């Protein structure tokens, strides 16, 4: 991706790629916008906040090369959605089955705090990715920013499908909405993000994440998709 719509984010990603983290000082950093990754026939999409500064911003693949990715792909592996429980780099053999992983923002933001206008500029990429998944039935929003980003897409595409007031984010929250005015509903599920801030404090446990992923699988098997 060669997007330059957010100069602050592009400068931040380039600076990280130059400075690097000591543990990865010999690595060649990606340092560019990161596209989504997964099965083009996916029924479930996992939407995070943004590439991690020394994770996906380094490897060029979402949730790859950091502890958040280890938590997420571990849960997908246990649910039968991934070929292996961890991912350290593109080409490491990881394949997703019926799942796709992306983010509300394609560039790593300073202090993990994107500005509203940056999220709005990036929304078009998330929208296009979701449109390219004809079997999509469930979206799992990993964190409040991802939750609100998906709701915003639905408000623009099919405002009548979004409850008022807009449903607040919570772990386990669920709402049906449409991403296309003439499309079928998709289920949006909320999950705490598998960040160290949540996993180290016990706010999110493996059991909690496993149960939510299992719930997404059940909804994907019996729910209605977006296209049609």
Protein backbone atom coordinates (compact mmCIF):
# COMPACT_ATOMS: atom_id res chain seq x y z
CA UNK A 1 0.00 0.00 0.00
CA UNK A 2 1.27 3.46 -0.90
CA UNK A 3 -1.30 5.67 0.86
CA UNK A 4 0.01 9.08 2.03
CA UNK A 5 -3.24 10.60 3.32
CA UNK A 6 -2.00 10.83 6.93
CA UNK A 7 1.46 12.50 7.03
CA UNK A 8 1.73 12.15 10.82
CA UNK A 9 1.25 8.39 10.65
CA UNK A 10 3.55 7.90 7.70
CA UNK A 11 6.31 9.87 9.42
CA UNK A 12 5.84 7.86 12.62
CA UNK A 13 6.05 4.50 10.82
CA UNK A 14 9.17 5.55 8.92
CA UNK A 15 10.83 6.78 12.12
CA UNK A 16 10.14 3.46 13.86
CA UNK A 17 11.51 1.56 10.86
CA UNK A 18 14.73 3.56 11.07
CA UNK A 19 15.22 3.49 14.83
CA UNK A 20 13.99 -0.11 15.36
CA UNK A 21 13.78 -1.96 18.64
CA UNK A 22 17.02 -3.46 19.92
CA UNK A 23 15.66 -7.01 19.71
CA UNK A 24 14.96 -6.45 15.99
CA UNK A 25 17.93 -4.26 15.11
CA UNK A 26 18.95 -6.58 12.24
CA UNK A 27 15.43 -6.87 10.84
CA UNK A 28 14.22 -4.98 7.82
CA UNK A 29 11.08 -3.15 8.89
CA UNK A 30 8.03 -2.91 6.61
CA UNK A 31 7.27 0.65 7.77
CA UNK A 32 4.29 1.13 5.40
CA UNK A 33 0.48 0.75 5.56
CA UNK A 34 -0.41 -2.87 6.34
CA UNK A 35 -3.21 -4.65 4.45
CA UNK A 36 -5.50 -7.29 5.90
CA UNK A 37 -4.65 -10.97 5.78
CA UNK A 38 -6.59 -14.23 5.55
CA UNK A 39 -8.99 -16.48 3.70
CA UNK A 40 -10.86 -14.80 0.79
CA UNK A 41 -13.79 -17.09 1.63
CA UNK A 42 -13.79 -15.99 5.26
CA UNK A 43 -17.03 -15.96 7.22
CA UNK A 44 -15.43 -14.27 10.23
CA UNK A 45 -13.36 -11.07 10.24
CA UNK A 46 -11.32 -9.91 13.22
CA UNK A 47 -10.78 -6.14 13.26
CA UNK A 48 -8.07 -4.69 15.49
CA UNK A 49 -6.99 -1.12 16.16
CA UNK A 50 -3.83 -0.75 14.04
CA UNK A 51 -0.51 -2.43 13.26
CA UNK A 52 1.74 -2.69 16.31
CA UNK A 53 4.81 -0.48 16.03
CA UNK A 54 7.26 -3.41 16.28
CA UNK A 55 4.77 -6.10 15.21
CA UNK A 56 2.91 -5.67 11.93
CA UNK A 57 4.69 -2.39 11.20
CA UNK A 58 7.87 -4.48 11.23
CA UNK A 59 6.63 -7.67 9.53
CA UNK A 60 4.04 -6.25 7.12
CA UNK A 61 1.28 -8.65 8.20
CA UNK A 62 -1.50 -7.90 10.67
CA UNK A 63 -1.04 -9.28 14.21
CA UNK A 64 2.26 -10.89 13.22
CA UNK A 65 5.40 -10.78 15.34
CA UNK A 66 4.03 -9.53 18.67
CA UNK A 67 2.31 -10.85 21.80
CA UNK A 68 -1.13 -9.65 20.75
CA UNK A 69 -0.80 -11.75 17.62
CA UNK A 70 0.30 -14.75 19.65
CA UNK A 71 -2.89 -14.45 21.71
CA UNK A 72 -5.15 -13.95 18.70
CA UNK A 73 -3.69 -16.66 16.46
CA UNK A 74 -3.53 -19.02 19.41
CA UNK A 75 -7.28 -18.60 19.88
CA UNK A 76 -7.93 -19.02 16.15
CA UNK A 77 -5.81 -22.18 16.12
CA UNK A 78 -7.73 -23.68 19.04
CA UNK A 79 -10.98 -22.88 17.19
CA UNK A 80 -9.80 -24.52 13.97
CA UNK A 81 -9.46 -21.21 12.11
CA UNK A 82 -5.65 -21.17 11.83
CA UNK A 83 -3.07 -23.74 10.78
CA UNK A 84 -0.69 -22.93 13.66
CA UNK A 85 -0.90 -21.18 17.05
CA UNK A 86 1.56 -18.35 16.44
CA UNK A 87 2.92 -16.15 13.69
CA UNK A 88 6.31 -14.46 13.63
CA UNK A 89 6.69 -13.42 9.97
CA UNK A 90 5.06 -13.71 6.56
CA UNK A 91 6.00 -17.01 4.99
CA UNK A 92 6.09 -18.85 8.34
CA UNK A 93 3.39 -21.26 7.21
CA UNK A 94 0.38 -19.63 8.86
CA UNK A 95 -2.87 -20.08 6.95
CA UNK A 96 -6.28 -18.88 8.06
CA UNK A 97 -9.34 -21.02 7.38
CA UNK A 98 -12.63 -19.20 7.19
CA UNK A 99 -11.15 -16.14 8.91
CA UNK A 100 -9.66 -12.80 7.93
CA UNK A 101 -7.66 -10.38 10.11
CA UNK A 102 -7.48 -6.63 9.56
CA UNK A 103 -7.61 -3.32 11.46
CA UNK A 104 -9.43 -0.01 11.57
CA UNK A 105 -6.14 1.79 10.82
CA UNK A 106 -3.41 0.66 8.42
CA UNK A 107 -0.52 2.56 10.01
CA UNK A 108 0.85 2.40 13.54
CA UNK A 109 -0.25 5.56 15.41
CA UNK A 110 1.88 7.28 18.06
CA UNK A 111 1.01 5.89 21.52
CA UNK A 112 -1.73 3.78 19.87
CA UNK A 113 -3.92 6.89 19.71
CA UNK A 114 -5.20 7.62 16.21
CA UNK A 115 -6.92 10.91 15.51
CA UNK A 116 -10.57 10.84 14.39
CA UNK A 117 -9.71 12.24 10.97
CA UNK A 118 -7.09 9.50 10.47
CA UNK A 119 -9.67 6.81 11.19
CA UNK A 120 -12.09 8.47 8.78
CA UNK A 121 -9.50 8.56 6.00
CA UNK A 122 -8.63 4.91 6.55
CA UNK A 123 -12.24 3.70 6.70
CA UNK A 124 -12.40 3.29 2.94
CA UNK A 125 -9.77 0.53 3.06
CA UNK A 126 -11.65 -1.44 5.71
CA UNK A 127 -14.87 -1.01 3.75
CA UNK A 128 -13.27 -2.31 0.55
CA UNK A 129 -11.80 -5.34 2.29
CA UNK A 130 -15.15 -6.28 3.79
CA UNK A 131 -16.85 -5.90 0.40
CA UNK A 132 -14.38 -8.39 -1.08
CA UNK A 133 -15.48 -11.13 1.36
CA UNK A 134 -18.71 -12.53 -0.14
CA UNK A 135 -19.28 -15.08 2.64
CA UNK A 136 -18.83 -12.68 5.53
CA UNK A 137 -21.21 -13.33 8.42
CA UNK A 138 -19.50 -12.20 11.63
CA UNK A 139 -17.17 -9.33 12.50
CA UNK A 140 -15.28 -9.47 15.79
CA UNK A 141 -14.21 -6.00 16.89
CA UNK A 142 -11.09 -6.22 19.03
CA UNK A 143 -11.50 -3.15 21.19
CA UNK A 144 -13.69 -0.08 21.28
CA UNK A 145 -12.04 1.76 18.38
CA UNK A 146 -12.60 -1.19 16.05
CA UNK A 147 -16.20 -1.50 17.31
CA UNK A 148 -16.93 2.14 16.55
CA UNK A 149 -15.16 1.95 13.17
CA UNK A 150 -17.43 -0.90 12.02
CA UNK A 151 -20.53 0.87 13.35
CA UNK A 152 -19.50 3.98 11.41
CA UNK A 153 -19.30 1.95 8.19
CA UNK A 154 -22.81 0.62 8.80
CA UNK A 155 -24.16 4.11 9.55
CA UNK A 156 -22.86 5.35 6.20
CA UNK A 157 -24.01 2.31 4.22
CA UNK A 158 -27.32 1.39 5.86
CA UNK A 159 -28.16 3.76 8.74
CA UNK A 160 -31.55 2.14 9.29
CA UNK A 161 -29.80 -1.08 10.34
CA UNK A 162 -27.94 0.53 13.27
CA UNK A 163 -29.84 0.78 16.58
CA UNK A 164 -30.24 4.18 18.23
CA UNK A 165 -28.51 5.13 20.37
CA UNK A 166 -25.49 3.35 18.94
CA UNK A 167 -24.73 0.24 21.00
CA UNK A 168 -21.73 0.76 23.31
CA UNK A 169 -18.67 -1.45 23.17
CA UNK A 170 -18.30 -4.24 25.71
CA UNK A 171 -16.69 -7.64 25.76
CA UNK A 172 -19.40 -9.98 24.49
CA UNK A 173 -21.59 -7.19 23.09
CA UNK A 174 -23.52 -8.19 19.97
CA UNK A 175 -25.52 -6.30 17.35
CA UNK A 176 -26.87 -7.08 13.89
CA UNK A 177 -26.32 -4.49 11.18
CA UNK A 178 -25.78 -4.10 7.46
CA UNK A 179 -22.68 -3.02 5.58
CA UNK A 180 -24.59 -2.74 2.31
CA UNK A 181 -28.04 -1.20 1.97
CA UNK A 182 -29.25 -4.17 -0.11
CA UNK A 183 -27.13 -6.74 1.67
CA UNK A 184 -27.95 -9.24 4.38
CA UNK A 185 -27.19 -8.57 8.05
CA UNK A 186 -23.85 -9.30 9.64
CA UNK A 187 -23.28 -9.96 13.34
CA UNK A 188 -20.86 -7.60 15.10
CA UNK A 189 -19.31 -9.02 18.27
CA UNK A 190 -17.20 -7.06 20.74
CA UNK A 191 -14.05 -8.42 22.36
CA UNK A 192 -11.38 -6.87 24.51
CA UNK A 193 -8.23 -6.37 22.46
CA UNK A 194 -5.52 -9.00 23.20
CA UNK A 195 -3.04 -6.25 24.09
CA UNK A 196 -0.55 -6.68 26.91
CA UNK A 197 -2.47 -4.05 28.85
CA UNK A 198 -5.48 -6.39 28.89
CA UNK A 199 -3.80 -9.80 29.02
CA UNK A 200 -1.19 -8.96 31.67
CA UNK A 201 -3.84 -7.52 33.99
CA UNK A 202 -6.28 -10.40 33.51
CA UNK A 203 -8.93 -8.19 31.97
CA UNK A 204 -8.82 -10.60 29.04
CA UNK A 205 -8.02 -14.27 29.67
CA UNK A 206 -7.47 -17.07 27.18
CA UNK A 207 -10.72 -18.65 28.32
CA UNK A 208 -12.61 -15.42 27.65
CA UNK A 209 -11.10 -15.07 24.19
CA UNK A 210 -11.64 -18.74 23.34
CA UNK A 211 -15.29 -18.54 24.36
CA UNK A 212 -15.86 -15.45 22.26
CA UNK A 213 -14.16 -16.95 19.19
CA UNK A 214 -16.27 -20.10 19.63
CA UNK A 215 -19.34 -17.90 19.76
CA UNK A 216 -18.29 -16.20 16.51
CA UNK A 217 -17.87 -19.60 14.86
CA UNK A 218 -21.38 -20.64 15.93
CA UNK A 219 -22.89 -17.43 14.56
CA UNK A 220 -20.94 -17.79 11.31
CA UNK A 221 -22.29 -21.29 10.82
CA UNK A 222 -25.93 -20.31 11.24
CA UNK A 223 -26.04 -16.56 10.52
CA UNK A 224 -26.78 -14.70 7.33
CA UNK A 225 -24.05 -13.09 5.29
CA UNK A 226 -23.60 -9.57 4.05
CA UNK A 227 -23.83 -10.18 0.32
CA UNK A 228 -26.76 -11.47 -1.61
